[in-house]
N, C-alpha and C. Protein backbone atom coordinates (compact mmCIF):
# COMPACT_ATOMS: atom_id res chain seq x y z
N MET A 1 58.45 101.13 90.28
CA MET A 1 57.88 102.13 91.21
C MET A 1 59.24 102.65 91.48
N GLN A 2 59.04 104.11 91.70
CA GLN A 2 60.32 104.96 92.06
C GLN A 2 59.82 105.63 93.41
N THR A 3 60.88 105.47 94.13
CA THR A 3 60.85 106.09 95.51
C THR A 3 61.64 107.58 95.26
N LEU A 4 60.73 108.55 95.88
CA LEU A 4 61.33 109.91 95.70
C LEU A 4 61.15 110.46 97.04
N ILE A 5 62.20 111.02 97.61
CA ILE A 5 62.15 111.75 98.85
C ILE A 5 62.73 113.19 98.71
N ASN A 6 62.13 114.32 99.15
CA ASN A 6 62.77 115.58 99.08
C ASN A 6 62.89 116.15 100.53
N THR A 7 64.28 116.84 100.19
CA THR A 7 64.52 117.49 101.74
C THR A 7 64.75 119.04 101.21
N LYS A 8 65.15 119.77 102.18
CA LYS A 8 65.31 121.33 101.87
C LYS A 8 66.34 121.30 100.78
N ARG A 9 67.26 120.69 100.68
CA ARG A 9 68.46 120.76 99.51
C ARG A 9 68.63 119.78 98.72
N LEU A 10 67.96 118.69 98.95
CA LEU A 10 68.41 117.34 98.32
C LEU A 10 67.15 116.71 97.80
N ILE A 11 67.57 115.84 96.86
CA ILE A 11 66.30 114.77 96.25
C ILE A 11 67.05 113.36 96.39
N LEU A 12 66.30 112.65 97.13
CA LEU A 12 66.67 111.16 97.22
C LEU A 12 65.67 110.42 96.45
N ARG A 13 66.21 109.60 95.27
CA ARG A 13 65.38 108.77 94.71
C ARG A 13 66.22 107.42 94.19
N THR A 14 65.35 106.56 93.74
CA THR A 14 65.88 105.32 93.16
C THR A 14 66.15 105.39 91.83
N LEU A 15 67.01 104.70 91.14
CA LEU A 15 67.36 104.88 89.77
C LEU A 15 67.25 103.73 89.09
N ARG A 16 66.99 103.84 87.81
CA ARG A 16 66.76 102.49 86.88
C ARG A 16 68.00 102.09 86.21
N ALA A 17 68.03 100.88 85.75
CA ALA A 17 69.36 100.35 85.31
C ALA A 17 69.99 101.09 84.33
N GLN A 18 69.12 101.95 83.31
CA GLN A 18 69.63 102.60 82.37
C GLN A 18 70.29 103.66 82.54
N GLU A 19 70.20 104.18 84.05
CA GLU A 19 71.10 105.29 84.56
C GLU A 19 72.48 104.87 85.17
N ALA A 20 72.76 103.56 84.72
CA ALA A 20 73.98 103.22 85.06
C ALA A 20 75.16 104.13 84.85
N PRO A 21 75.50 104.67 83.63
CA PRO A 21 76.50 105.75 83.38
C PRO A 21 76.59 106.71 84.48
N GLU A 22 75.71 107.31 84.89
CA GLU A 22 75.74 108.20 85.98
C GLU A 22 76.45 107.67 87.21
N VAL A 23 75.97 106.49 87.54
CA VAL A 23 76.21 105.81 88.88
C VAL A 23 77.84 105.50 88.61
N LEU A 24 78.40 105.13 87.47
CA LEU A 24 79.64 104.83 86.92
C LEU A 24 80.39 105.99 87.26
N LYS A 25 79.94 107.28 86.71
CA LYS A 25 80.69 108.36 86.89
C LYS A 25 80.92 108.86 88.29
N TYR A 26 79.79 108.78 88.99
CA TYR A 26 79.95 108.88 90.48
C TYR A 26 81.11 108.15 91.47
N TYR A 27 81.16 106.86 90.84
CA TYR A 27 82.18 106.04 91.66
C TYR A 27 83.69 106.32 90.89
N ARG A 28 83.76 106.60 89.51
CA ARG A 28 85.17 106.87 89.10
C ARG A 28 85.51 108.21 89.66
N THR A 29 84.58 109.31 89.92
CA THR A 29 84.91 110.51 90.50
C THR A 29 85.53 110.33 91.63
N ASN A 30 85.15 109.35 92.74
CA ASN A 30 85.34 109.42 94.16
C ASN A 30 85.93 107.94 94.31
N LYS A 31 86.63 107.38 93.43
CA LYS A 31 87.33 106.24 93.40
C LYS A 31 88.28 106.18 94.76
N ASP A 32 89.23 107.34 94.75
CA ASP A 32 90.09 107.22 95.89
C ASP A 32 89.37 107.60 97.12
N HIS A 33 88.42 108.47 97.08
CA HIS A 33 87.80 108.76 98.33
C HIS A 33 87.03 107.62 99.17
N PHE A 34 86.51 106.83 98.35
CA PHE A 34 85.47 105.53 98.62
C PHE A 34 86.40 104.39 98.98
N ARG A 35 87.60 104.49 98.64
CA ARG A 35 88.47 103.24 98.80
C ARG A 35 88.64 102.80 100.13
N TYR A 36 88.56 103.86 101.16
CA TYR A 36 88.79 103.56 102.64
C TYR A 36 87.54 103.10 103.39
N SER A 37 86.46 103.05 102.71
CA SER A 37 85.10 102.72 103.31
C SER A 37 84.35 101.67 102.62
N MET A 38 85.11 101.17 101.40
CA MET A 38 84.25 100.03 100.74
C MET A 38 85.15 98.83 100.56
N PRO A 39 84.55 97.75 100.30
CA PRO A 39 85.44 96.52 99.93
C PRO A 39 86.08 96.80 98.75
N SER A 40 87.34 96.18 98.32
CA SER A 40 88.15 96.25 97.21
C SER A 40 87.24 96.14 96.11
N PHE A 41 87.47 96.93 94.89
CA PHE A 41 86.67 96.94 93.62
C PHE A 41 87.01 95.88 92.99
N ASP A 42 85.98 95.15 92.37
CA ASP A 42 86.06 94.05 91.62
C ASP A 42 86.81 94.30 90.32
N ALA A 43 87.30 93.63 89.44
CA ALA A 43 88.21 93.86 88.13
C ALA A 43 87.31 94.76 87.38
N ASP A 44 86.06 94.42 87.07
CA ASP A 44 85.18 95.13 86.13
C ASP A 44 84.18 96.05 86.70
N PHE A 45 84.45 96.56 88.09
CA PHE A 45 83.66 97.42 88.75
C PHE A 45 83.42 98.72 87.87
N PHE A 46 84.43 99.23 87.48
CA PHE A 46 84.46 100.49 86.59
C PHE A 46 84.01 100.30 85.09
N SER A 47 82.85 99.61 84.97
CA SER A 47 82.32 99.47 83.68
C SER A 47 80.77 99.62 83.86
N VAL A 48 80.14 99.98 82.55
CA VAL A 48 78.74 100.55 82.62
C VAL A 48 78.05 99.13 82.83
N GLU A 49 78.39 97.99 82.23
CA GLU A 49 77.90 96.82 82.39
C GLU A 49 77.58 96.12 83.90
N TYR A 50 78.77 96.48 84.64
CA TYR A 50 78.84 96.07 86.09
C TYR A 50 77.62 96.81 86.90
N HIS A 51 77.54 98.04 86.51
CA HIS A 51 76.76 98.80 87.25
C HIS A 51 75.39 98.51 86.76
N ARG A 52 75.09 98.34 85.51
CA ARG A 52 73.95 98.26 84.91
C ARG A 52 73.35 96.78 85.60
N SER A 53 74.07 95.71 85.56
CA SER A 53 73.75 94.51 86.17
C SER A 53 73.44 94.61 87.72
N LEU A 54 74.24 95.36 88.61
CA LEU A 54 74.02 95.49 89.95
C LEU A 54 72.69 96.32 90.25
N MET A 55 72.45 97.04 89.22
CA MET A 55 71.18 97.85 89.53
C MET A 55 70.08 97.24 89.26
N GLU A 56 70.12 96.23 88.27
CA GLU A 56 69.10 95.26 87.99
C GLU A 56 68.78 94.32 89.13
N ASP A 57 69.81 93.92 89.80
CA ASP A 57 69.74 93.13 90.81
C ASP A 57 69.04 93.87 92.31
N GLN A 58 69.78 95.33 92.19
CA GLN A 58 68.85 96.11 93.35
C GLN A 58 67.50 96.32 93.09
N GLN A 59 67.18 96.43 91.76
CA GLN A 59 65.69 96.60 91.64
C GLN A 59 64.82 95.53 91.80
N ARG A 60 65.28 94.16 91.72
CA ARG A 60 64.62 92.91 91.94
C ARG A 60 64.55 92.98 93.48
N LEU A 61 65.78 93.34 94.26
CA LEU A 61 65.64 93.15 95.81
C LEU A 61 64.55 94.21 96.13
N MET A 62 64.56 95.24 95.77
CA MET A 62 63.64 96.52 96.00
C MET A 62 62.30 96.03 95.69
N GLU A 63 61.83 95.31 94.85
CA GLU A 63 60.58 94.92 94.34
C GLU A 63 60.27 93.79 95.40
N GLU A 64 61.11 93.11 95.85
CA GLU A 64 61.00 91.84 96.78
C GLU A 64 60.79 92.45 98.41
N GLY A 65 61.15 93.76 98.46
CA GLY A 65 61.05 94.51 99.79
C GLY A 65 62.25 94.29 100.61
N ARG A 66 63.28 93.68 100.04
CA ARG A 66 64.46 93.36 100.79
C ARG A 66 65.59 94.27 100.91
N ASN A 67 65.60 95.39 100.05
CA ASN A 67 66.60 96.37 99.94
C ASN A 67 65.78 97.65 99.23
N LEU A 68 66.43 98.82 99.72
CA LEU A 68 66.08 100.36 99.19
C LEU A 68 67.36 100.90 98.95
N LYS A 69 67.80 101.10 97.74
CA LYS A 69 68.87 102.22 97.35
C LYS A 69 68.53 103.54 96.89
N LEU A 70 68.77 104.42 97.55
CA LEU A 70 68.38 105.82 97.34
C LEU A 70 69.84 106.51 96.83
N TRP A 71 69.49 107.33 95.91
CA TRP A 71 70.70 108.08 95.22
C TRP A 71 70.49 109.49 95.51
N ILE A 72 71.46 110.38 95.81
CA ILE A 72 71.23 111.55 96.37
C ILE A 72 71.84 112.69 95.30
N PHE A 73 70.93 113.64 94.85
CA PHE A 73 71.02 114.69 94.08
C PHE A 73 70.82 116.10 94.70
N HIS A 74 71.39 117.19 94.26
CA HIS A 74 71.13 118.41 94.67
C HIS A 74 69.85 118.81 94.43
N ARG A 75 68.81 119.47 95.11
CA ARG A 75 67.55 119.74 94.77
C ARG A 75 67.42 120.81 93.66
N HIS A 76 68.45 121.88 93.96
CA HIS A 76 68.48 122.90 92.71
C HIS A 76 69.55 123.05 92.20
N GLY A 77 69.67 123.05 90.76
CA GLY A 77 70.96 123.33 90.27
C GLY A 77 71.89 122.10 89.88
N GLY A 78 71.27 121.14 89.15
CA GLY A 78 72.07 120.06 88.79
C GLY A 78 71.57 118.55 88.87
N SER A 79 71.82 117.89 87.75
CA SER A 79 71.61 116.51 87.86
C SER A 79 72.82 115.56 88.42
N GLU A 80 73.85 116.26 89.07
CA GLU A 80 75.28 115.48 89.49
C GLU A 80 74.74 114.63 90.59
N LEU A 81 74.95 113.34 90.54
CA LEU A 81 74.98 112.34 91.61
C LEU A 81 75.96 112.68 92.68
N ILE A 82 75.50 112.85 93.99
CA ILE A 82 76.56 113.22 95.00
C ILE A 82 76.63 112.46 96.17
N GLY A 83 75.74 111.37 96.23
CA GLY A 83 75.72 110.41 97.22
C GLY A 83 74.80 109.33 97.18
N ASP A 84 74.85 108.34 98.22
CA ASP A 84 73.95 107.22 98.13
C ASP A 84 73.58 106.67 99.53
N ILE A 85 72.55 106.23 99.81
CA ILE A 85 72.09 105.46 101.00
C ILE A 85 71.36 104.13 100.70
N SER A 86 71.70 103.02 101.50
CA SER A 86 71.26 101.81 101.19
C SER A 86 70.78 101.32 102.48
N PHE A 87 69.48 100.98 102.31
CA PHE A 87 68.89 99.98 103.45
C PHE A 87 68.89 98.68 102.93
N SER A 88 69.69 97.92 103.49
CA SER A 88 69.87 96.36 102.96
C SER A 88 69.68 95.42 104.07
N ASN A 89 69.68 94.20 103.52
CA ASN A 89 69.15 92.94 104.43
C ASN A 89 67.85 93.26 105.36
N ILE A 90 66.89 93.78 104.54
CA ILE A 90 65.64 93.94 105.35
C ILE A 90 64.91 92.66 105.66
N VAL A 91 64.66 92.64 107.07
CA VAL A 91 64.23 91.34 107.47
C VAL A 91 62.78 91.79 107.96
N ARG A 92 61.74 91.07 107.66
CA ARG A 92 60.39 91.42 108.10
C ARG A 92 60.12 90.34 109.22
N GLY A 93 58.86 90.13 109.30
CA GLY A 93 58.40 88.94 110.53
C GLY A 93 58.59 89.90 111.91
N ALA A 94 58.98 89.07 112.95
CA ALA A 94 59.21 89.74 114.19
C ALA A 94 60.31 90.79 114.26
N LEU A 95 61.15 90.77 113.41
CA LEU A 95 62.38 91.48 113.37
C LEU A 95 62.19 92.95 112.78
N GLN A 96 61.74 93.05 111.70
CA GLN A 96 61.40 94.44 111.06
C GLN A 96 62.73 95.12 111.07
N SER A 97 63.75 94.74 110.62
CA SER A 97 65.06 95.38 110.66
C SER A 97 65.89 95.48 109.41
N CYS A 98 66.91 96.31 109.64
CA CYS A 98 67.76 96.50 108.31
C CYS A 98 69.14 97.02 108.70
N PHE A 99 70.10 97.00 107.76
CA PHE A 99 71.38 97.81 107.89
C PHE A 99 71.25 98.78 107.02
N VAL A 100 71.90 99.97 107.39
CA VAL A 100 71.96 101.21 106.55
C VAL A 100 73.48 101.41 106.25
N GLY A 101 73.75 101.91 105.12
CA GLY A 101 75.07 102.35 104.86
C GLY A 101 74.96 103.52 103.81
N TYR A 102 75.93 104.21 103.81
CA TYR A 102 75.83 105.64 103.05
C TYR A 102 77.21 106.22 102.78
N LYS A 103 77.21 106.90 101.55
CA LYS A 103 78.49 107.56 101.24
C LYS A 103 78.13 108.92 100.65
N ILE A 104 79.06 109.92 100.72
CA ILE A 104 78.79 111.21 100.17
C ILE A 104 80.09 111.29 99.36
N GLY A 105 80.03 111.89 98.12
CA GLY A 105 81.05 112.22 97.30
C GLY A 105 81.98 113.17 97.86
N ARG A 106 83.41 113.12 97.55
CA ARG A 106 84.43 114.02 98.00
C ARG A 106 84.28 115.28 98.23
N ASP A 107 83.64 115.83 96.98
CA ASP A 107 83.49 117.29 96.93
C ASP A 107 82.30 117.82 97.67
N PHE A 108 81.55 116.92 98.53
CA PHE A 108 80.29 117.26 98.90
C PHE A 108 80.28 117.12 100.48
N THR A 109 81.77 116.56 101.06
CA THR A 109 81.69 116.45 102.45
C THR A 109 81.54 117.66 103.24
N GLY A 110 81.15 117.54 104.47
CA GLY A 110 81.33 118.74 105.41
C GLY A 110 80.33 119.77 105.19
N ASN A 111 79.28 119.58 104.42
CA ASN A 111 78.19 120.61 104.22
C ASN A 111 76.68 120.15 104.77
N GLY A 112 76.67 119.06 105.62
CA GLY A 112 75.66 118.49 106.17
C GLY A 112 74.62 118.08 105.32
N TYR A 113 75.04 117.58 104.27
CA TYR A 113 74.09 116.80 103.34
C TYR A 113 73.68 115.49 103.52
N MET A 114 74.70 114.96 104.13
CA MET A 114 74.41 113.43 104.52
C MET A 114 73.47 113.29 105.70
N THR A 115 73.67 114.08 106.72
CA THR A 115 72.88 114.14 107.81
C THR A 115 71.50 114.42 107.22
N GLU A 116 71.39 115.55 106.47
CA GLU A 116 69.92 115.93 105.95
C GLU A 116 69.32 114.63 105.33
N ALA A 117 70.14 114.11 104.27
CA ALA A 117 69.55 113.04 103.58
C ALA A 117 69.21 111.84 104.27
N LEU A 118 70.21 111.44 105.36
CA LEU A 118 69.85 110.29 106.16
C LEU A 118 68.65 110.37 107.01
N GLU A 119 68.55 111.66 107.55
CA GLU A 119 67.40 111.80 108.53
C GLU A 119 65.93 111.55 107.58
N GLN A 120 65.82 112.13 106.44
CA GLN A 120 64.75 111.84 105.78
C GLN A 120 64.60 110.53 105.23
N ALA A 121 65.68 109.87 105.02
CA ALA A 121 65.63 108.37 104.51
C ALA A 121 65.29 107.47 105.72
N VAL A 122 65.81 107.67 107.00
CA VAL A 122 65.35 107.09 108.07
C VAL A 122 63.90 107.07 108.33
N ALA A 123 63.34 108.41 108.27
CA ALA A 123 61.98 108.70 108.60
C ALA A 123 61.10 108.08 107.51
N TYR A 124 61.52 107.95 106.10
CA TYR A 124 60.84 107.06 105.26
C TYR A 124 60.86 105.62 105.73
N ALA A 125 61.93 104.91 105.93
CA ALA A 125 62.11 103.78 106.44
C ALA A 125 61.31 103.38 107.66
N PHE A 126 61.02 104.21 108.71
CA PHE A 126 60.33 104.07 109.70
C PHE A 126 58.83 104.18 109.48
N ASP A 127 58.47 105.45 108.84
CA ASP A 127 57.08 105.80 108.65
C ASP A 127 56.24 105.17 107.38
N ASP A 128 57.11 104.93 106.26
CA ASP A 128 56.46 104.26 105.12
C ASP A 128 56.73 102.82 105.14
N MET A 129 58.02 102.37 105.45
CA MET A 129 58.39 101.14 105.20
C MET A 129 57.81 100.31 106.44
N LYS A 130 57.63 100.83 107.49
CA LYS A 130 57.11 100.39 108.97
C LYS A 130 58.34 99.51 109.55
N LEU A 131 59.66 99.88 109.38
CA LEU A 131 60.60 99.19 109.94
C LEU A 131 60.57 99.57 111.47
N HIS A 132 61.32 98.58 112.26
CA HIS A 132 61.33 98.80 113.70
C HIS A 132 62.76 99.25 114.05
N ARG A 133 64.02 98.65 113.32
CA ARG A 133 65.29 98.98 113.76
C ARG A 133 66.24 99.13 112.53
N ILE A 134 67.15 100.10 112.55
CA ILE A 134 68.00 100.31 111.68
C ILE A 134 69.50 100.24 112.34
N GLU A 135 70.09 99.38 111.78
CA GLU A 135 71.64 99.20 112.24
C GLU A 135 72.73 99.69 111.26
N ALA A 136 73.58 100.73 111.86
CA ALA A 136 74.60 101.23 111.02
C ALA A 136 76.05 100.65 111.69
N ASN A 137 76.90 100.05 110.83
CA ASN A 137 78.30 99.72 111.37
C ASN A 137 79.25 100.59 110.68
N ILE A 138 80.14 101.05 111.43
CA ILE A 138 81.15 102.14 111.00
C ILE A 138 82.45 101.78 111.59
N VAL A 139 83.37 102.13 110.66
CA VAL A 139 84.94 101.88 110.93
C VAL A 139 85.16 103.16 112.03
N PRO A 140 85.74 102.68 113.23
CA PRO A 140 86.12 103.75 114.14
C PRO A 140 86.60 104.94 113.85
N THR A 141 87.54 104.72 112.98
CA THR A 141 88.28 106.10 112.43
C THR A 141 87.48 107.11 111.59
N ASN A 142 86.27 106.74 111.16
CA ASN A 142 85.42 107.51 110.28
C ASN A 142 84.68 108.36 111.13
N GLY A 143 85.37 109.43 111.78
CA GLY A 143 84.58 110.22 112.66
C GLY A 143 83.36 111.07 111.94
N PRO A 144 83.45 111.54 110.84
CA PRO A 144 82.36 112.22 110.18
C PRO A 144 81.13 111.20 110.15
N SER A 145 81.27 109.99 109.66
CA SER A 145 80.30 109.02 109.62
C SER A 145 79.53 108.80 111.02
N ILE A 146 80.52 108.80 112.08
CA ILE A 146 79.97 108.43 113.30
C ILE A 146 79.12 109.58 113.63
N ARG A 147 79.62 110.93 113.43
CA ARG A 147 78.87 112.08 113.88
C ARG A 147 77.51 112.06 113.26
N VAL A 148 77.26 111.73 111.92
CA VAL A 148 76.08 111.57 111.20
C VAL A 148 75.18 110.95 112.15
N VAL A 149 75.44 109.73 112.47
CA VAL A 149 74.40 108.65 113.13
C VAL A 149 74.13 109.36 114.65
N GLU A 150 75.17 109.63 115.25
CA GLU A 150 74.91 110.24 116.53
C GLU A 150 74.00 111.48 116.59
N LYS A 151 74.12 112.28 115.62
CA LYS A 151 73.40 113.62 115.35
C LYS A 151 71.89 113.12 115.22
N LEU A 152 71.62 111.81 114.62
CA LEU A 152 70.40 111.57 114.30
C LEU A 152 69.85 110.48 115.30
N GLY A 153 70.47 110.40 116.42
CA GLY A 153 70.01 109.60 117.71
C GLY A 153 70.33 108.24 117.80
N PHE A 154 71.18 107.78 116.83
CA PHE A 154 71.55 106.26 116.90
C PHE A 154 72.31 106.09 118.16
N ILE A 155 72.22 104.87 118.70
CA ILE A 155 72.74 104.58 120.06
C ILE A 155 74.02 103.62 119.66
N GLN A 156 75.19 103.68 120.35
CA GLN A 156 76.26 102.70 120.22
C GLN A 156 76.06 101.40 120.90
N GLU A 157 75.84 100.39 120.22
CA GLU A 157 75.71 99.08 120.88
C GLU A 157 76.86 98.24 121.10
N GLY A 158 77.86 98.48 120.46
CA GLY A 158 79.21 97.66 120.64
C GLY A 158 80.03 97.76 119.63
N TYR A 159 80.95 96.86 119.57
CA TYR A 159 82.09 96.95 118.51
C TYR A 159 82.21 95.41 118.10
N SER A 160 82.30 95.34 116.74
CA SER A 160 82.39 94.17 116.20
C SER A 160 83.93 93.89 115.34
N PRO A 161 84.57 93.04 116.20
CA PRO A 161 86.12 93.07 115.51
C PRO A 161 86.05 92.15 114.13
N ALA A 162 87.06 92.67 113.16
CA ALA A 162 87.12 91.70 112.06
C ALA A 162 85.76 91.77 111.35
N TYR A 163 84.96 92.92 111.30
CA TYR A 163 83.63 92.81 110.95
C TYR A 163 83.50 92.61 109.21
N LEU A 164 84.13 93.68 108.57
CA LEU A 164 83.91 93.80 107.05
C LEU A 164 85.26 93.87 106.63
N LYS A 165 85.45 93.35 105.15
CA LYS A 165 86.80 93.36 104.54
C LYS A 165 86.70 94.71 103.79
N ILE A 166 87.54 95.59 104.23
CA ILE A 166 87.53 97.11 103.40
C ILE A 166 89.04 97.10 102.87
N ASN A 167 88.79 97.42 101.65
CA ASN A 167 90.10 97.81 100.74
C ASN A 167 90.98 96.65 101.02
N GLY A 168 90.51 95.24 101.18
CA GLY A 168 91.41 94.21 101.25
C GLY A 168 91.81 93.92 102.85
N ARG A 169 91.25 94.68 103.70
CA ARG A 169 91.64 94.32 104.97
C ARG A 169 90.51 94.14 106.10
N TRP A 170 90.61 93.00 106.73
CA TRP A 170 89.41 92.97 107.85
C TRP A 170 89.50 94.13 108.88
N GLU A 171 88.25 94.97 108.98
CA GLU A 171 88.17 95.98 109.78
C GLU A 171 87.15 95.83 110.87
N GLY A 172 87.34 96.12 111.96
CA GLY A 172 86.38 96.33 113.13
C GLY A 172 85.57 97.28 113.01
N HIS A 173 84.34 97.31 113.19
CA HIS A 173 83.18 98.26 113.09
C HIS A 173 82.47 98.64 114.63
N VAL A 174 82.25 99.73 114.71
CA VAL A 174 81.38 100.17 115.75
C VAL A 174 79.94 99.98 115.37
N ARG A 175 79.11 99.50 116.19
CA ARG A 175 77.87 99.04 115.76
C ARG A 175 76.69 100.04 116.59
N PHE A 176 76.08 100.80 115.76
CA PHE A 176 74.93 101.75 116.23
C PHE A 176 73.65 101.12 115.76
N ALA A 177 72.68 101.54 116.33
CA ALA A 177 71.28 101.26 116.12
C ALA A 177 70.45 102.24 116.53
N LEU A 178 69.13 102.53 115.79
CA LEU A 178 68.19 103.25 116.19
C LEU A 178 66.87 102.53 116.02
N ILE A 179 65.91 102.73 116.82
CA ILE A 179 64.76 102.15 117.20
C ILE A 179 63.69 103.18 116.75
N ASN A 180 62.60 102.51 115.92
CA ASN A 180 61.46 103.54 115.54
C ASN A 180 60.75 104.01 116.64
N PRO A 181 60.97 105.34 116.75
CA PRO A 181 60.18 106.04 117.86
C PRO A 181 58.98 105.68 118.18
N ALA A 182 58.07 105.50 117.11
CA ALA A 182 56.65 105.08 117.20
C ALA A 182 56.45 103.87 117.87
N ASP A 183 57.50 102.94 117.98
CA ASP A 183 57.54 101.60 118.78
C ASP A 183 57.86 101.57 120.08
N LEU A 184 58.22 102.61 120.54
CA LEU A 184 58.81 102.78 122.19
C LEU A 184 57.58 103.18 122.90
């Protein structure tokens, strides 16, 4: 089952494992740009096999309802992958919550694409997936990412010291959350 979300300028969709070469190209193109917001790359990260395997695992988690990985493309004029959004660690039951993470390619920053994409992805998570709470954790020096969640109404809940190992170093993160308006 493929998830497809259209915005004014973008298409957000899930990918199949056979589309791993496009994902690999996205990461190779943005290797230096993503270095400061991602864990260190595994030795085989820049191989098609690595991404094919990872995408197969993501597909299984999506089928189990524990993850949703959306890839961002321009709606008009091209099939180039420009960003991604992940809803991970989806917990059902009384919590109905998840974490969100997102990235936009170096050549596409500053155009409002991530705000546009994340706004519709969050609406999908609340309206279609019936989630109650979405949490975003952001390195405090990543001002553009903080502005994205603030524009969408996420509320800062606190700070988590040494939260994630980013580029080989434990980094503290500012914790933001958004509650489904339908639940208020």
